[in-house]
Amino acid sequence: MKTLSKILAGTALITGLSGCYPLQHAIKLKKYEPLSKEQKDSLFKKLNSGLKEYLKNVYIINEKDLRRNSKAHTHNNKKRTICFSEYFKNDSECYFHEAAHVRHIALDKNKSDFSEKWKKIADFKYGRKNVKKVWYSWPFILWNIVWKDDKTDDPKNGMLSPCSSTSINEDAAEFVGCLSYNNNPGEIKKSYINVSNPLLKEDSLSIVAHSSLYPLYFADTTDKRYQQKLDLLKDYNFLTEQEHKTLSERLGSLNYLREKYLKKPKEE
């Protein structure tokens, strides 16, 4: 396969973290063919032109060839290869997230100042030290991780999830992944109408669960970094004008539910 040598030579980003991906994985790709243009167009029809600009080879492969606990990953090579597991091939969040990695990698390769501007906005020291129970085995894969300091997965520090804190790549990709949300704030709010304590409602998701699924809606907008990051993503064509407008309007719109139901009462 012509693309194999490129894959072997490239480094991979596994859920956004830099590291040399096992040679065994690249060898296993020999039995797969990348998706055709028609297949890619069908799979990524929801992606905007900016997210598709640098997207080249895409593979749908068996989970055992992708490595344990991994939904997808992006290879840092000239072909900007993405591998999705068969199980998650219809997970639109993965599409947006990995496509964001591809664009981010390409911008860095092209000497863009996107990453430098992001770092200035973030004003945060990225790294594994920020999260708890991240690494299961080689390759390093993120799975159900929490913030190390408070053991939650709440949006905070201008970031949407604990995963965001591990690298600038993950931070940016988590924001772009919000384009896949399948419920708007109004639809989620209906779950809590006339419910005195939604955390006790057994037939609906709790505030905590909704916050994990839709962290953008539960972000604390007094932290201006959330909006500044959305603005930067628009400026560098990760988001269209309309996508930016929609996400900006929905940013933090449900945080009052956290304040109302989850905030611990002050001690007398």
Protein backbone atom coordinates (compact mmCIF):
# COMPACT_ATOMS: atom_id res chain seq x y z
CA MET A 1 0.00 0.00 0.00
CA LYS A 2 1.43 3.35 -1.04
CA THR A 3 0.34 5.17 2.08
CA LEU A 4 1.92 2.72 4.53
CA SER A 5 5.42 4.17 4.38
CA LYS A 6 4.02 7.58 5.22
CA ILE A 7 2.16 6.15 8.19
CA LEU A 8 5.24 4.29 9.40
CA ALA A 9 7.32 7.43 9.15
CA GLY A 10 4.81 9.63 10.88
CA THR A 11 4.24 10.26 14.53
CA ALA A 12 0.72 9.81 15.87
CA LEU A 13 -1.50 11.86 18.10
CA ILE A 14 -3.53 9.52 20.22
CA THR A 15 -6.55 11.45 21.49
CA GLY A 16 -4.43 14.52 20.91
CA LEU A 17 -1.30 13.56 22.83
CA SER A 18 2.02 13.46 21.03
CA GLY A 19 3.86 10.18 21.04
CA CYS A 20 5.27 7.52 18.78
CA TYR A 21 2.46 5.17 17.85
CA PRO A 22 3.35 1.46 17.93
CA LEU A 23 4.80 0.05 14.76
CA GLN A 24 2.39 -2.88 15.07
CA HIS A 25 -0.53 -0.56 14.44
CA ALA A 26 0.91 0.75 11.17
CA ILE A 27 1.64 -2.79 10.04
CA LYS A 28 -1.93 -3.83 10.74
CA LEU A 29 -3.18 -1.01 8.52
CA LYS A 30 -1.77 -2.92 5.55
CA LYS A 31 -4.93 -5.00 5.43
CA TYR A 32 -7.13 -1.91 5.18
CA GLU A 33 -7.75 0.59 2.41
CA PRO A 34 -8.37 4.27 3.13
CA LEU A 35 -11.88 5.49 2.46
CA SER A 36 -12.62 6.71 -1.04
CA LYS A 37 -13.43 10.37 -1.66
CA GLU A 38 -17.11 9.49 -1.95
CA GLN A 39 -17.03 7.60 1.36
CA LYS A 40 -15.24 10.46 3.10
CA ASP A 41 -17.67 13.01 1.70
CA SER A 42 -20.58 10.94 3.00
CA LEU A 43 -19.00 10.36 6.41
CA PHE A 44 -17.92 13.96 6.94
CA LYS A 45 -20.82 15.78 5.35
CA LYS A 46 -21.44 17.74 8.57
CA LEU A 47 -17.89 19.10 8.70
CA ASN A 48 -17.24 22.62 7.51
CA SER A 49 -14.70 23.34 4.77
CA GLY A 50 -12.02 24.42 7.25
CA LEU A 51 -12.13 21.12 9.10
CA LYS A 52 -11.96 19.20 5.81
CA GLU A 53 -9.22 21.32 4.25
CA TYR A 54 -6.26 19.22 5.38
CA LEU A 55 -8.06 15.91 5.84
CA LYS A 56 -6.49 13.19 3.69
CA ASN A 57 -6.48 9.48 4.56
CA VAL A 58 -9.24 8.04 6.73
CA TYR A 59 -9.47 4.43 7.87
CA ILE A 60 -12.28 2.50 9.53
CA ILE A 61 -10.64 -0.41 11.30
CA ASN A 62 -11.37 -3.14 13.81
CA GLU A 63 -11.02 -2.08 17.44
CA LYS A 64 -8.34 -4.68 18.16
CA ASP A 65 -6.18 -3.04 15.49
CA LEU A 66 -6.82 0.43 16.89
CA ARG A 67 -5.66 -0.52 20.39
CA ARG A 68 -7.65 -0.99 23.57
CA ASN A 69 -9.99 1.77 24.84
CA SER A 70 -9.43 3.98 21.81
CA LYS A 71 -12.25 5.42 19.71
CA ALA A 72 -10.02 7.10 17.17
CA HIS A 73 -6.68 8.79 16.71
CA THR A 74 -4.90 11.10 14.31
CA HIS A 75 -1.46 10.43 12.83
CA ASN A 76 0.86 13.39 12.56
CA ASN A 77 2.09 12.71 9.04
CA LYS A 78 1.82 14.37 5.64
CA LYS A 79 -1.35 12.46 4.85
CA ARG A 80 -2.98 13.58 8.13
CA THR A 81 -4.29 10.06 8.65
CA ILE A 82 -7.26 9.42 10.93
CA CYS A 83 -8.21 5.95 12.17
CA PHE A 84 -11.69 5.30 13.55
CA SER A 85 -12.86 2.11 15.21
CA GLU A 86 -15.75 0.35 13.51
CA TYR A 87 -17.82 0.78 16.66
CA PHE A 88 -17.45 4.57 16.64
CA LYS A 89 -17.62 5.11 12.89
CA ASN A 90 -21.01 6.82 13.32
CA ASP A 91 -19.97 8.95 16.28
CA SER A 92 -20.07 12.51 14.96
CA GLU A 93 -18.22 13.86 18.02
CA CYS A 94 -15.22 11.78 16.96
CA TYR A 95 -15.37 13.27 13.45
CA PHE A 96 -15.27 16.86 14.68
CA HIS A 97 -12.69 16.12 17.36
CA GLU A 98 -10.22 14.29 15.11
CA ALA A 99 -10.72 16.70 12.21
CA ALA A 100 -9.80 19.50 14.62
CA HIS A 101 -6.57 17.67 15.41
CA VAL A 102 -5.83 17.41 11.69
CA ARG A 103 -6.31 21.14 11.14
CA HIS A 104 -4.32 22.01 14.26
CA ILE A 105 -1.40 19.81 13.17
CA ALA A 106 -1.46 21.34 9.69
CA LEU A 107 -1.47 24.90 11.02
CA ASP A 108 1.50 24.13 13.27
CA LYS A 109 3.37 22.55 10.35
CA ASN A 110 2.68 25.67 8.28
CA LYS A 111 4.18 27.92 10.98
CA SER A 112 0.83 29.41 11.97
CA ASP A 113 0.68 31.43 15.19
CA PHE A 114 -2.58 29.72 16.24
CA SER A 115 -0.99 27.62 18.99
CA GLU A 116 0.93 30.56 20.43
CA LYS A 117 -2.21 32.67 20.60
CA TRP A 118 -4.10 29.79 22.20
CA LYS A 119 -1.43 29.37 24.86
CA LYS A 120 -1.64 33.05 25.73
CA ILE A 121 -5.40 32.84 26.13
CA ALA A 122 -5.26 29.58 28.10
CA ASP A 123 -2.63 30.83 30.57
CA PHE A 124 -2.40 27.26 31.83
CA LYS A 125 0.30 24.63 32.16
CA TYR A 126 -0.87 21.61 30.20
CA GLY A 127 0.18 18.10 31.16
CA ARG A 128 -0.74 14.72 32.59
CA LYS A 129 -0.32 16.00 36.12
CA ASN A 130 -3.68 17.76 35.87
CA VAL A 131 -5.72 14.57 35.63
CA LYS A 132 -6.27 11.36 37.55
CA LYS A 133 -6.30 7.78 36.23
CA VAL A 134 -5.41 8.55 32.65
CA TRP A 135 -2.93 5.96 31.48
CA TYR A 136 -4.14 2.40 31.06
CA SER A 137 -1.41 0.92 28.87
CA TRP A 138 0.80 1.76 25.93
CA PRO A 139 -0.29 3.48 23.81
CA PHE A 140 -1.45 6.13 26.25
CA ILE A 141 -5.21 6.43 25.94
CA LEU A 142 -7.55 8.80 27.77
CA TRP A 143 -10.70 7.21 29.14
CA ASN A 144 -13.14 8.53 31.74
CA ILE A 145 -10.61 10.77 33.40
CA VAL A 146 -11.18 13.35 36.12
CA TRP A 147 -9.46 16.46 37.40
CA LYS A 148 -6.76 15.49 39.85
CA ASP A 149 -7.59 18.22 42.36
CA ASP A 150 -11.36 17.75 42.79
CA LYS A 151 -12.03 14.34 41.16
CA THR A 152 -14.77 15.74 38.88
CA ASP A 153 -14.99 16.12 35.12
CA ASP A 154 -16.55 19.58 35.31
CA PRO A 155 -15.66 22.35 32.86
CA LYS A 156 -13.23 24.74 34.56
CA ASN A 157 -10.03 26.73 34.06
CA GLY A 158 -11.41 27.86 30.69
CA MET A 159 -11.50 24.21 29.60
CA LEU A 160 -14.40 21.91 28.83
CA SER A 161 -13.07 18.73 30.39
CA PRO A 162 -10.12 17.23 32.27
CA CYS A 163 -8.95 15.79 28.95
CA SER A 164 -8.54 19.35 27.69
CA SER A 165 -5.88 20.02 30.29
CA THR A 166 -3.48 17.38 28.98
CA SER A 167 -2.46 19.26 25.83
CA ILE A 168 -3.24 22.29 23.72
CA ASN A 169 -4.38 19.92 20.95
CA GLU A 170 -6.99 18.33 23.18
CA ASP A 171 -8.15 21.67 24.50
CA ALA A 172 -8.90 22.99 21.03
CA ALA A 173 -10.43 19.72 19.79
CA GLU A 174 -12.82 19.54 22.75
CA PHE A 175 -14.30 22.91 21.76
CA VAL A 176 -14.72 21.86 18.13
CA GLY A 177 -16.35 18.64 19.30
CA CYS A 178 -19.24 20.74 20.63
CA LEU A 179 -20.48 21.02 17.04
CA SER A 180 -21.73 17.44 17.41
CA TYR A 181 -24.13 18.18 20.29
CA ASN A 182 -27.49 16.55 19.53
CA ASN A 183 -29.52 18.58 22.03
CA ASN A 184 -29.77 22.32 22.48
CA PRO A 185 -30.01 23.97 25.92
CA GLY A 186 -33.78 24.35 25.68
CA GLU A 187 -34.28 20.63 25.13
CA ILE A 188 -32.10 19.79 28.11
CA LYS A 189 -33.82 22.36 30.32
CA LYS A 190 -37.17 20.63 29.78
CA SER A 191 -35.84 17.65 31.73
CA TYR A 192 -35.83 19.75 34.89
CA ILE A 193 -39.09 21.69 34.66
CA ASN A 194 -41.30 21.13 37.74
CA VAL A 195 -38.70 18.86 39.32
CA SER A 196 -37.71 19.97 42.82
CA ASN A 197 -34.50 17.97 42.79
CA PRO A 198 -33.48 16.70 39.32
CA LEU A 199 -30.63 14.69 40.82
CA LEU A 200 -33.24 12.37 42.32
CA LYS A 201 -35.22 11.93 39.11
CA GLU A 202 -34.46 8.35 38.15
CA ASP A 203 -35.87 8.49 34.62
CA SER A 204 -33.68 11.34 33.35
CA LEU A 205 -30.01 12.22 33.24
CA SER A 206 -28.73 14.15 36.21
CA ILE A 207 -27.18 17.59 36.03
CA VAL A 208 -23.81 15.95 36.50
CA ALA A 209 -24.35 13.62 33.55
CA HIS A 210 -25.64 16.41 31.32
CA SER A 211 -22.66 18.55 32.27
CA SER A 212 -20.37 15.73 31.13
CA LEU A 213 -22.19 15.37 27.83
CA TYR A 214 -22.62 19.10 27.12
CA PRO A 215 -19.88 20.91 29.05
CA LEU A 216 -20.09 24.02 26.85
CA TYR A 217 -23.59 24.71 28.18
CA PHE A 218 -22.44 24.41 31.79
CA ALA A 219 -19.27 26.50 31.55
CA ASP A 220 -18.79 29.45 33.88
CA THR A 221 -18.80 32.43 31.52
CA THR A 222 -17.24 34.72 34.11
CA ASP A 223 -14.08 33.01 32.90
CA LYS A 224 -13.53 34.89 29.64
CA ARG A 225 -11.19 32.25 28.25
CA TYR A 226 -14.11 30.15 27.00
CA GLN A 227 -15.34 32.88 24.69
CA GLN A 228 -11.85 33.92 23.68
CA LYS A 229 -11.07 30.37 22.58
CA LEU A 230 -14.26 30.19 20.51
CA ASP A 231 -13.30 33.49 18.90
CA LEU A 232 -9.83 32.19 18.03
CA LEU A 233 -11.26 28.99 16.55
CA LYS A 234 -13.43 31.12 14.26
CA ASP A 235 -10.49 33.31 13.26
CA TYR A 236 -8.52 30.22 12.16
CA ASN A 237 -11.44 28.54 10.35
CA PHE A 238 -12.14 25.72 12.77
CA LEU A 239 -15.60 27.25 13.07
CA THR A 240 -17.77 29.07 10.56
CA GLU A 241 -19.37 32.40 11.44
CA GLN A 242 -22.70 30.68 12.08
CA GLU A 243 -21.18 27.88 14.14
CA HIS A 244 -19.31 30.43 16.22
CA LYS A 245 -22.49 32.43 16.76
CA THR A 246 -24.47 29.36 17.84
CA LEU A 247 -21.83 28.07 20.25
CA SER A 248 -21.28 31.55 21.69
CA GLU A 249 -25.01 31.97 22.34
CA ARG A 250 -25.20 28.58 24.06
CA LEU A 251 -21.99 28.95 26.06
CA GLY A 252 -22.79 28.75 29.78
CA SER A 253 -26.54 28.96 29.20
CA LEU A 254 -27.27 26.11 31.65
CA ASN A 255 -24.64 26.86 34.27
CA TYR A 256 -27.34 28.29 36.52
CA LEU A 257 -28.64 24.71 36.96
CA ARG A 258 -25.31 23.73 38.48
CA GLU A 259 -25.43 26.78 40.72
CA LYS A 260 -28.99 25.95 41.77
CA TYR A 261 -28.76 22.22 42.40
CA LEU A 262 -25.10 21.32 42.89
CA LYS A 263 -23.49 24.22 44.72
CA LYS A 264 -22.83 23.29 48.34
CA PRO A 265 -24.63 25.53 50.84
CA LYS A 266 -22.44 27.85 52.86
CA GLU A 267 -21.70 26.67 56.36
CA GLU A 268 -23.25 28.74 59.13
